[in-house]
Amino acid sequence: MNTSITSVQTTIVSSDDGARTYEVKKVLLDETGAPAPGSEAILIGLYPTTTTAEPYKTDLSTNHLVCKMQEIGLRSVRILNLFSQVCESEKLSARVLEVDEENLAYIQSVLQEEDLEKTFCIISWGTSMATCRAANETKERIVDCFYTCHPEGKLYQLSSSSLALENTECVHVLYLGIRHKREAWGLCEYHFQKKELPPEKPAKRGRKKKALKAAEEPVELPNTGASEQDAAEKGGAPA
């Protein structure tokens, strides 16, 4: 009979109030407590669900990823996201999203690290929010930063033995976990294609502003043959 003790080390980088999570790092540790054999990777998804308040809770995407790390050949993964706001139960609304500048700055600082040359950068934000301007702008800025810092570098995406890559783009971990859970996972090169951003819609003028403008404009009185002064003296308004 053999007993083996291994563990998964979790490191969380968040805001002081815990409302935003910038990075969740998962490291596979062997029986001695040292990192297991394998490579290092960065994986960029959509938004986090892990918080410093409940560090032992993990979502399905993270569970699927950790289960497949050894198979892929990874000993550690730094999970970053397009947006840092923690979503525990509800998804982010694409209508009100703006570029998360603080989170984007953190991602750019990670991509600029000197020892990143031997790290796999995996794009896994899937096809959700494909028409969201903030999401698309963030994607482009991340990719531009990556190639600026690593002109000869390569981006990667997750794959499986039966996944039709010609019909799939930057597949999300959860998609693979649901559709291809029992297959072997791996990595393949990902070629980012820029998409034309939709034009920003002009802000609509509210009714209050329109009413205020109308009140400020002079009102042309009808020509009744009587002056305003005459009407005032009679105690009434002109007809």
Protein backbone atom coordinates (compact mmCIF):
# COMPACT_ATOMS: atom_id res chain seq x y z
CA MET A 1 0.00 0.00 0.00
CA ASN A 2 1.31 3.44 -0.96
CA THR A 3 0.35 6.84 0.45
CA SER A 4 1.20 10.00 -1.42
CA ILE A 5 0.60 13.57 -0.24
CA THR A 6 0.44 16.36 -2.81
CA SER A 7 -1.15 19.78 -2.80
CA VAL A 8 -2.12 22.75 -4.93
CA GLN A 9 -0.74 26.09 -3.75
CA THR A 10 -2.97 29.12 -4.34
CA THR A 11 -1.79 32.73 -4.43
CA ILE A 12 -4.33 35.55 -4.81
CA VAL A 13 -3.59 39.18 -5.69
CA SER A 14 -6.59 41.41 -5.00
CA SER A 15 -7.69 44.90 -4.02
CA ASP A 16 -7.69 45.84 -0.32
CA ASP A 17 -11.45 45.35 -0.04
CA GLY A 18 -11.39 42.05 -1.94
CA ALA A 19 -13.90 43.27 -4.53
CA ARG A 20 -11.36 42.91 -7.34
CA THR A 21 -9.04 39.99 -8.04
CA TYR A 22 -6.11 40.66 -10.34
CA GLU A 23 -4.40 37.28 -10.29
CA VAL A 24 -4.97 33.73 -9.04
CA LYS A 25 -1.89 31.52 -9.24
CA LYS A 26 -2.11 27.73 -9.00
CA VAL A 27 1.05 25.68 -8.41
CA LEU A 28 1.20 21.89 -8.27
CA LEU A 29 3.42 20.73 -5.38
CA ASP A 30 4.92 17.25 -5.15
CA GLU A 31 5.37 15.06 -2.08
CA THR A 32 8.33 17.12 -0.87
CA GLY A 33 6.40 20.40 -1.16
CA ALA A 34 8.44 21.51 -4.18
CA PRO A 35 6.86 22.52 -7.52
CA ALA A 36 6.06 19.47 -9.64
CA PRO A 37 7.80 18.97 -13.00
CA GLY A 38 6.44 21.00 -15.87
CA SER A 39 6.29 24.42 -17.48
CA GLU A 40 4.84 27.74 -16.34
CA ALA A 41 1.92 29.51 -18.00
CA ILE A 42 -0.25 32.60 -17.93
CA LEU A 43 -3.91 32.11 -18.78
CA ILE A 44 -6.14 35.11 -19.60
CA GLY A 45 -9.87 34.62 -19.16
CA LEU A 46 -12.92 36.86 -18.73
CA TYR A 47 -13.51 37.67 -15.06
CA PRO A 48 -12.64 36.13 -11.65
CA THR A 49 -14.80 34.40 -9.07
CA THR A 50 -12.09 33.66 -6.49
CA THR A 51 -11.82 36.07 -3.57
CA THR A 52 -9.41 36.53 -0.69
CA ALA A 53 -12.37 36.25 1.70
CA GLU A 54 -13.05 32.68 0.52
CA PRO A 55 -9.74 31.46 -0.92
CA TYR A 56 -10.65 27.76 -0.71
CA LYS A 57 -13.67 28.09 -3.00
CA THR A 58 -12.98 27.50 -6.68
CA ASP A 59 -15.19 27.70 -9.72
CA LEU A 60 -15.70 25.02 -12.36
CA SER A 61 -13.29 26.62 -14.81
CA THR A 62 -10.44 26.59 -12.29
CA ASN A 63 -11.26 23.02 -11.25
CA HIS A 64 -11.14 21.80 -14.85
CA LEU A 65 -7.86 23.63 -15.42
CA VAL A 66 -6.14 22.25 -12.30
CA CYS A 67 -7.26 18.71 -13.19
CA LYS A 68 -5.64 19.04 -16.63
CA MET A 69 -2.45 20.94 -15.71
CA GLN A 70 -0.28 17.83 -15.33
CA GLU A 71 -1.67 16.38 -18.56
CA ILE A 72 -0.88 19.60 -20.44
CA GLY A 73 2.59 19.64 -18.92
CA LEU A 74 2.17 22.66 -16.63
CA ARG A 75 3.31 22.97 -13.05
CA SER A 76 1.96 26.49 -12.50
CA VAL A 77 -0.64 28.78 -14.05
CA ARG A 78 -1.17 32.47 -13.34
CA ILE A 79 -4.84 33.20 -14.09
CA LEU A 80 -5.54 36.78 -15.23
CA ASN A 81 -8.77 38.19 -16.66
CA LEU A 82 -10.05 40.96 -18.92
CA PHE A 83 -11.94 42.41 -15.95
CA SER A 84 -11.01 42.22 -12.28
CA GLN A 85 -14.43 42.69 -10.68
CA VAL A 86 -15.30 39.51 -8.78
CA CYS A 87 -18.46 37.78 -10.03
CA GLU A 88 -19.70 35.21 -7.54
CA SER A 89 -23.22 34.61 -8.86
CA GLU A 90 -24.05 36.95 -11.76
CA LYS A 91 -22.15 37.62 -14.96
CA LEU A 92 -20.93 41.08 -15.86
CA SER A 93 -23.30 43.15 -17.98
CA ALA A 94 -21.55 44.03 -21.24
CA ARG A 95 -23.75 47.12 -21.67
CA VAL A 96 -22.23 49.03 -18.76
CA LEU A 97 -18.65 47.74 -18.93
CA GLU A 98 -15.71 50.06 -19.40
CA VAL A 99 -12.05 49.20 -19.85
CA ASP A 100 -10.64 48.15 -16.48
CA GLU A 101 -7.54 50.35 -16.64
CA GLU A 102 -6.11 49.29 -13.28
CA ASN A 103 -6.48 45.62 -14.13
CA LEU A 104 -5.08 46.18 -17.62
CA ALA A 105 -2.03 47.90 -16.13
CA TYR A 106 -1.47 44.87 -13.91
CA ILE A 107 -1.64 42.49 -16.89
CA GLN A 108 0.78 44.66 -18.84
CA SER A 109 3.22 44.63 -15.91
CA VAL A 110 3.09 40.82 -15.90
CA LEU A 111 3.70 40.65 -19.66
CA GLN A 112 6.71 42.94 -19.25
CA GLU A 113 8.46 40.68 -16.75
CA GLU A 114 11.94 39.64 -17.86
CA ASP A 115 11.57 35.91 -17.13
CA LEU A 116 8.45 35.53 -19.28
CA GLU A 117 10.32 34.17 -22.30
CA LYS A 118 9.88 30.55 -21.16
CA THR A 119 6.27 31.01 -20.08
CA PHE A 120 3.30 29.95 -22.20
CA CYS A 121 0.78 32.78 -22.64
CA ILE A 122 -2.62 31.13 -23.10
CA ILE A 123 -5.60 33.09 -24.42
CA SER A 124 -8.81 31.59 -23.00
CA TRP A 125 -11.45 34.33 -22.95
CA GLY A 126 -13.72 32.40 -25.34
CA THR A 127 -16.34 34.04 -27.55
CA SER A 128 -18.44 35.68 -24.83
CA MET A 129 -18.74 39.48 -24.99
CA ALA A 130 -17.70 39.35 -28.65
CA THR A 131 -19.60 42.57 -29.36
CA CYS A 132 -18.58 44.35 -26.15
CA ARG A 133 -16.46 47.37 -27.02
CA ALA A 134 -14.64 47.42 -23.66
CA ALA A 135 -13.78 43.73 -23.93
CA ASN A 136 -12.52 43.98 -27.51
CA GLU A 137 -10.43 47.05 -26.78
CA THR A 138 -8.90 45.30 -23.76
CA LYS A 139 -8.07 42.22 -25.85
CA GLU A 140 -6.29 44.30 -28.48
CA ARG A 141 -4.28 46.22 -25.92
CA ILE A 142 -3.20 43.01 -24.20
CA VAL A 143 -2.09 41.41 -27.47
CA ASP A 144 -0.30 44.60 -28.59
CA CYS A 145 1.55 44.71 -25.26
CA PHE A 146 2.55 41.06 -25.58
CA TYR A 147 4.05 41.44 -29.06
CA THR A 148 5.70 44.75 -28.14
CA CYS A 149 7.47 43.06 -25.23
CA HIS A 150 8.04 39.77 -27.06
CA PRO A 151 8.30 40.39 -30.83
CA GLU A 152 9.23 36.76 -31.49
CA GLY A 153 6.84 35.34 -28.91
CA LYS A 154 3.82 33.13 -29.52
CA LEU A 155 0.33 33.12 -28.08
CA TYR A 156 -1.35 29.80 -27.33
CA GLN A 157 -4.84 28.42 -26.85
CA LEU A 158 -6.14 25.25 -25.22
CA SER A 159 -7.04 22.30 -27.42
CA SER A 160 -8.21 18.72 -27.18
CA SER A 161 -7.91 15.63 -29.33
CA SER A 162 -11.25 16.13 -31.13
CA LEU A 163 -11.67 19.91 -30.99
CA ALA A 164 -12.14 21.44 -34.45
CA LEU A 165 -9.79 24.39 -34.12
CA GLU A 166 -10.82 25.88 -37.47
CA ASN A 167 -14.24 26.53 -35.92
CA THR A 168 -13.01 27.56 -32.47
CA GLU A 169 -11.23 30.68 -31.28
CA CYS A 170 -9.42 31.08 -27.93
CA VAL A 171 -11.59 28.37 -26.40
CA HIS A 172 -12.67 28.92 -22.79
CA VAL A 173 -11.61 26.42 -20.11
CA LEU A 174 -15.21 25.79 -19.09
CA TYR A 175 -16.20 24.90 -22.66
CA LEU A 176 -13.46 22.28 -22.85
CA GLY A 177 -14.33 21.03 -19.39
CA ILE A 178 -17.96 20.44 -20.37
CA ARG A 179 -17.57 19.25 -23.95
CA HIS A 180 -14.14 17.56 -23.92
CA LYS A 181 -13.57 16.59 -20.30
CA ARG A 182 -12.53 12.99 -21.00
CA GLU A 183 -10.14 13.82 -23.84
CA ALA A 184 -6.48 14.69 -23.71
CA TRP A 185 -5.80 18.43 -23.56
CA GLY A 186 -2.88 20.30 -25.03
CA LEU A 187 -1.74 23.67 -26.36
CA CYS A 188 -1.58 25.01 -29.90
CA GLU A 189 -0.55 28.36 -31.33
CA TYR A 190 -3.21 31.08 -31.41
CA HIS A 191 -3.27 33.86 -34.03
CA PHE A 192 -5.17 36.89 -32.79
CA GLN A 193 -7.35 38.70 -35.32
CA LYS A 194 -8.30 42.27 -34.62
CA LYS A 195 -11.97 43.11 -34.93
CA GLU A 196 -13.36 46.47 -35.93
CA LEU A 197 -14.77 48.14 -32.85
CA PRO A 198 -18.35 49.42 -33.15
CA PRO A 199 -18.68 53.22 -33.06
CA GLU A 200 -19.57 54.74 -29.74
CA LYS A 201 -23.19 55.84 -29.51
CA PRO A 202 -23.72 59.53 -28.68
CA ALA A 203 -25.17 60.16 -25.26
CA LYS A 204 -28.91 60.74 -25.36
CA ARG A 205 -30.21 64.05 -24.06
CA GLY A 206 -32.62 63.57 -21.22
CA ARG A 207 -36.07 65.11 -21.07
CA LYS A 208 -35.03 67.39 -18.23
CA LYS A 209 -32.32 68.98 -20.35
CA LYS A 210 -34.74 69.47 -23.23
CA ALA A 211 -37.31 71.04 -20.92
CA LEU A 212 -34.67 73.32 -19.40
CA LYS A 213 -33.55 74.49 -22.83
CA ALA A 214 -37.14 75.16 -23.87
CA ALA A 215 -37.71 77.21 -20.73
CA GLU A 216 -34.64 79.34 -21.47
CA GLU A 217 -35.69 80.13 -25.04
CA PRO A 218 -37.92 83.23 -25.54
CA VAL A 219 -41.55 82.48 -26.31
CA GLU A 220 -43.10 84.27 -29.26
CA LEU A 221 -46.55 85.55 -28.27
CA PRO A 222 -49.37 85.50 -30.82
CA ASN A 223 -50.21 88.80 -32.50
CA THR A 224 -53.60 89.75 -31.01
CA GLY A 225 -53.40 93.49 -31.41
CA ALA A 226 -52.87 94.03 -27.67
CA SER A 227 -49.53 94.56 -26.03
CA GLU A 228 -48.22 92.65 -22.98
CA GLN A 229 -48.40 95.91 -21.00
CA ASP A 230 -52.12 96.31 -21.81
CA ALA A 231 -52.82 92.77 -20.76
CA ALA A 232 -50.98 93.26 -17.48
CA GLU A 233 -52.97 96.39 -16.69
CA LYS A 234 -56.22 94.48 -17.26
CA GLY A 235 -55.02 91.77 -14.87
CA GLY A 236 -54.87 89.03 -17.48
CA ALA A 237 -52.63 87.53 -20.09
CA PRO A 238 -52.87 88.29 -23.78
CA ALA A 239 -55.30 85.99 -25.55
